[in-house]
């Protein structure tokens, strides 16, 4: 016999939790889109920050496009889980680079947590997986 969850068995999200999740995810999406575009157009602050971390400026557009694709996947409800997984990998790489450069890693770590928290509050599938 196959066990399936019916709509009646799935926990519902309160309106407050749903809106908090949407706001958290929305802010993460806006920041990540801004960061991706800054890398793609080689904005001066992105160039100087990358140079300080030892990242070649020639790689910035590729990194920006990668971040843009991951963020778009995260922003689309059907692919949000895939986007969150890919963003976790992206932010893990950011943490590794920051550690190698002797910089604090808390920003990327907190950002990764917020990506998953926003998704957890909005997506029933994520809540069911993490139970």
C-alpha atoms as a PDB file:
ATOM      1  CA  UNK A   1       0.000   0.000   0.000  1.00  0.00           C
ATOM      2  CA  UNK A   2       1.236   3.480  -0.810  1.00  0.00           C
ATOM      3  CA  UNK A   3       1.095   6.192   1.813  1.00  0.00           C
ATOM      4  CA  UNK A   4       0.296   9.605   0.445  1.00  0.00           C
ATOM      5  CA  UNK A   5      -0.404  12.887   2.124  1.00  0.00           C
ATOM      6  CA  UNK A   6      -3.744  14.334   1.279  1.00  0.00           C
ATOM      7  CA  UNK A   7      -4.402  18.038   1.382  1.00  0.00           C
ATOM      8  CA  UNK A   8      -6.177  17.489   4.709  1.00  0.00           C
ATOM      9  CA  UNK A   9      -3.044  15.917   6.255  1.00  0.00           C
ATOM     10  CA  UNK A  10      -0.692  18.682   5.189  1.00  0.00           C
ATOM     11  CA  UNK A  11      -0.102  21.417   7.735  1.00  0.00           C
ATOM     12  CA  UNK A  12      -1.308  24.815   6.717  1.00  0.00           C
ATOM     13  CA  UNK A  13       0.705  27.977   7.003  1.00  0.00           C
ATOM     14  CA  UNK A  14      -0.682  30.921   8.898  1.00  0.00           C
ATOM     15  CA  UNK A  15      -1.122  34.114   6.922  1.00  0.00           C
ATOM     16  CA  UNK A  16       1.468  35.844   9.077  1.00  0.00           C
ATOM     17  CA  UNK A  17       4.078  33.131   8.468  1.00  0.00           C
ATOM     18  CA  UNK A  18       3.285  33.145   4.761  1.00  0.00           C
ATOM     19  CA  UNK A  19       3.796  36.910   4.521  1.00  0.00           C
ATOM     20  CA  UNK A  20       6.960  36.845   6.620  1.00  0.00           C
ATOM     21  CA  UNK A  21       8.317  34.126   4.323  1.00  0.00           C
ATOM     22  CA  UNK A  22       7.392  36.115   1.228  1.00  0.00           C
ATOM     23  CA  UNK A  23       9.055  39.239   2.612  1.00  0.00           C
ATOM     24  CA  UNK A  24      12.230  37.371   3.595  1.00  0.00           C
ATOM     25  CA  UNK A  25      12.402  35.632   0.206  1.00  0.00           C
ATOM     26  CA  UNK A  26      11.617  38.873  -1.625  1.00  0.00           C
ATOM     27  CA  UNK A  27      14.393  40.774   0.146  1.00  0.00           C
ATOM     28  CA  UNK A  28      16.848  37.958  -0.546  1.00  0.00           C
ATOM     29  CA  UNK A  29      15.829  37.923  -4.226  1.00  0.00           C
ATOM     30  CA  UNK A  30      16.209  41.695  -4.554  1.00  0.00           C
ATOM     31  CA  UNK A  31      19.657  41.691  -2.971  1.00  0.00           C
ATOM     32  CA  UNK A  32      20.866  38.710  -5.015  1.00  0.00           C
ATOM     33  CA  UNK A  33      19.577  40.243  -8.273  1.00  0.00           C
ATOM     34  CA  UNK A  34      21.358  43.502  -7.429  1.00  0.00           C
ATOM     35  CA  UNK A  35      24.567  41.622  -6.621  1.00  0.00           C
ATOM     36  CA  UNK A  36      24.345  39.566  -9.815  1.00  0.00           C
ATOM     37  CA  UNK A  37      23.795  42.629 -11.992  1.00  0.00           C
ATOM     38  CA  UNK A  38      26.690  44.473 -10.326  1.00  0.00           C
ATOM     39  CA  UNK A  39      28.956  41.558 -11.174  1.00  0.00           C
ATOM     40  CA  UNK A  40      27.665  41.269 -14.750  1.00  0.00           C
ATOM     41  CA  UNK A  41      28.218  44.961 -15.543  1.00  0.00           C
ATOM     42  CA  UNK A  42      31.475  45.006 -13.546  1.00  0.00           C
ATOM     43  CA  UNK A  43      30.348  47.785 -11.231  1.00  0.00           C
ATOM     44  CA  UNK A  44      33.318  49.422  -9.481  1.00  0.00           C
ATOM     45  CA  UNK A  45      32.468  48.215  -5.960  1.00  0.00           C
ATOM     46  CA  UNK A  46      32.082  44.625  -7.174  1.00  0.00           C
ATOM     47  CA  UNK A  47      35.386  44.868  -9.041  1.00  0.00           C
ATOM     48  CA  UNK A  48      37.296  46.241  -6.039  1.00  0.00           C
ATOM     49  CA  UNK A  49      35.726  43.723  -3.622  1.00  0.00           C
ATOM     50  CA  UNK A  50      36.586  40.842  -5.941  1.00  0.00           C
ATOM     51  CA  UNK A  51      40.134  42.078  -6.386  1.00  0.00           C
ATOM     52  CA  UNK A  52      40.535  42.271  -2.609  1.00  0.00           C
ATOM     53  CA  UNK A  53      39.453  38.629  -2.360  1.00  0.00           C
ATOM     54  CA  UNK A  54      41.807  37.531  -5.131  1.00  0.00           C
ATOM     55  CA  UNK A  55      39.089  36.821  -7.686  1.00  0.00           C
ATOM     56  CA  UNK A  56      40.078  37.738 -11.267  1.00  0.00           C
ATOM     57  CA  UNK A  57      37.918  40.532 -12.678  1.00  0.00           C
ATOM     58  CA  UNK A  58      37.503  38.554 -15.914  1.00  0.00           C
ATOM     59  CA  UNK A  59      35.442  35.947 -14.043  1.00  0.00           C
ATOM     60  CA  UNK A  60      32.911  38.429 -12.628  1.00  0.00           C
ATOM     61  CA  UNK A  61      30.376  38.280 -15.484  1.00  0.00           C
ATOM     62  CA  UNK A  62      30.313  34.468 -15.328  1.00  0.00           C
ATOM     63  CA  UNK A  63      29.842  34.524 -11.573  1.00  0.00           C
ATOM     64  CA  UNK A  64      27.118  37.153 -11.968  1.00  0.00           C
ATOM     65  CA  UNK A  65      25.274  35.125 -14.613  1.00  0.00           C
ATOM     66  CA  UNK A  66      25.477  32.032 -12.415  1.00  0.00           C
ATOM     67  CA  UNK A  67      24.048  33.976  -9.480  1.00  0.00           C
ATOM     68  CA  UNK A  68      21.347  35.460 -11.704  1.00  0.00           C
ATOM     69  CA  UNK A  69      20.222  32.013 -12.902  1.00  0.00           C
ATOM     70  CA  UNK A  70      20.175  30.611  -9.360  1.00  0.00           C
ATOM     71  CA  UNK A  71      18.184  33.623  -8.123  1.00  0.00           C
ATOM     72  CA  UNK A  72      15.652  33.387 -10.941  1.00  0.00           C
ATOM     73  CA  UNK A  73      15.135  29.697 -10.158  1.00  0.00           C
ATOM     74  CA  UNK A  74      14.617  30.622  -6.492  1.00  0.00           C
ATOM     75  CA  UNK A  75      12.097  33.330  -7.422  1.00  0.00           C
ATOM     76  CA  UNK A  76       9.882  30.961  -9.443  1.00  0.00           C
ATOM     77  CA  UNK A  77       7.664  28.946  -7.060  1.00  0.00           C
ATOM     78  CA  UNK A  78       7.898  25.696  -9.081  1.00  0.00           C
ATOM     79  CA  UNK A  79      11.714  25.787  -9.097  1.00  0.00           C
ATOM     80  CA  UNK A  80      12.308  27.533  -5.759  1.00  0.00           C
ATOM     81  CA  UNK A  81      13.701  24.417  -4.082  1.00  0.00           C
ATOM     82  CA  UNK A  82      16.240  23.923  -6.890  1.00  0.00           C
ATOM     83  CA  UNK A  83      17.129  27.601  -6.678  1.00  0.00           C
ATOM     84  CA  UNK A  84      17.648  27.362  -2.911  1.00  0.00           C
ATOM     85  CA  UNK A  85      19.898  24.319  -3.355  1.00  0.00           C
ATOM     86  CA  UNK A  86      21.968  26.106  -5.998  1.00  0.00           C
ATOM     87  CA  UNK A  87      22.141  29.291  -3.910  1.00  0.00           C
ATOM     88  CA  UNK A  88      23.356  27.193  -0.974  1.00  0.00           C
ATOM     89  CA  UNK A  89      26.225  25.967  -3.137  1.00  0.00           C
ATOM     90  CA  UNK A  90      26.950  29.487  -4.369  1.00  0.00           C
ATOM     91  CA  UNK A  91      26.980  30.890  -0.836  1.00  0.00           C
ATOM     92  CA  UNK A  92      29.106  27.954   0.333  1.00  0.00           C
ATOM     93  CA  UNK A  93      31.682  28.982  -2.251  1.00  0.00           C
ATOM     94  CA  UNK A  94      31.454  32.558  -0.995  1.00  0.00           C
ATOM     95  CA  UNK A  95      32.088  31.333   2.547  1.00  0.00           C
ATOM     96  CA  UNK A  96      35.134  29.352   1.388  1.00  0.00           C
ATOM     97  CA  UNK A  97      36.577  32.389  -0.413  1.00  0.00           C
ATOM     98  CA  UNK A  98      35.934  34.641   2.575  1.00  0.00           C
ATOM     99  CA  UNK A  99      37.616  32.155   4.923  1.00  0.00           C
ATOM    100  CA  UNK A 100      40.642  31.880   2.630  1.00  0.00           C
ATOM    101  CA  UNK A 101      40.911  35.680   2.537  1.00  0.00           C
ATOM    102  CA  UNK A 102      40.558  35.971   6.319  1.00  0.00           C
ATOM    103  CA  UNK A 103      37.278  37.877   6.045  1.00  0.00           C
ATOM    104  CA  UNK A 104      34.199  37.347   8.237  1.00  0.00           C
ATOM    105  CA  UNK A 105      31.792  34.729   6.875  1.00  0.00           C
ATOM    106  CA  UNK A 106      28.668  35.647   8.821  1.00  0.00           C
ATOM    107  CA  UNK A 107      26.985  37.572   5.978  1.00  0.00           C
ATOM    108  CA  UNK A 108      26.951  34.674   3.520  1.00  0.00           C
ATOM    109  CA  UNK A 109      26.066  32.245   6.298  1.00  0.00           C
ATOM    110  CA  UNK A 110      23.108  34.328   7.500  1.00  0.00           C
ATOM    111  CA  UNK A 111      22.017  34.929   3.920  1.00  0.00           C
ATOM    112  CA  UNK A 112      21.953  31.189   3.230  1.00  0.00           C
ATOM    113  CA  UNK A 113      19.865  30.690   6.353  1.00  0.00           C
ATOM    114  CA  UNK A 114      17.430  33.417   5.255  1.00  0.00           C
ATOM    115  CA  UNK A 115      17.026  31.857   1.785  1.00  0.00           C
ATOM    116  CA  UNK A 116      15.929  28.585   3.399  1.00  0.00           C
ATOM    117  CA  UNK A 117      13.861  30.253   6.128  1.00  0.00           C
ATOM    118  CA  UNK A 118      11.856  32.198   3.554  1.00  0.00           C
ATOM    119  CA  UNK A 119      11.281  29.039   1.544  1.00  0.00           C
ATOM    120  CA  UNK A 120      10.383  27.048   4.665  1.00  0.00           C
ATOM    121  CA  UNK A 121       7.718  29.555   5.648  1.00  0.00           C
ATOM    122  CA  UNK A 122       6.163  29.652   2.165  1.00  0.00           C
ATOM    123  CA  UNK A 123       6.536  26.102   0.829  1.00  0.00           C
ATOM    124  CA  UNK A 124       4.659  23.130   2.306  1.00  0.00           C
ATOM    125  CA  UNK A 125       6.973  20.641   0.575  1.00  0.00           C
ATOM    126  CA  UNK A 126      10.027  22.047   2.332  1.00  0.00           C
ATOM    127  CA  UNK A 127       8.261  21.914   5.699  1.00  0.00           C
ATOM    128  CA  UNK A 128       7.244  18.295   5.085  1.00  0.00           C
ATOM    129  CA  UNK A 129      10.802  17.313   4.116  1.00  0.00           C
ATOM    130  CA  UNK A 130      12.299  18.978   7.199  1.00  0.00           C
ATOM    131  CA  UNK A 131       9.877  17.368   9.663  1.00  0.00           C
END
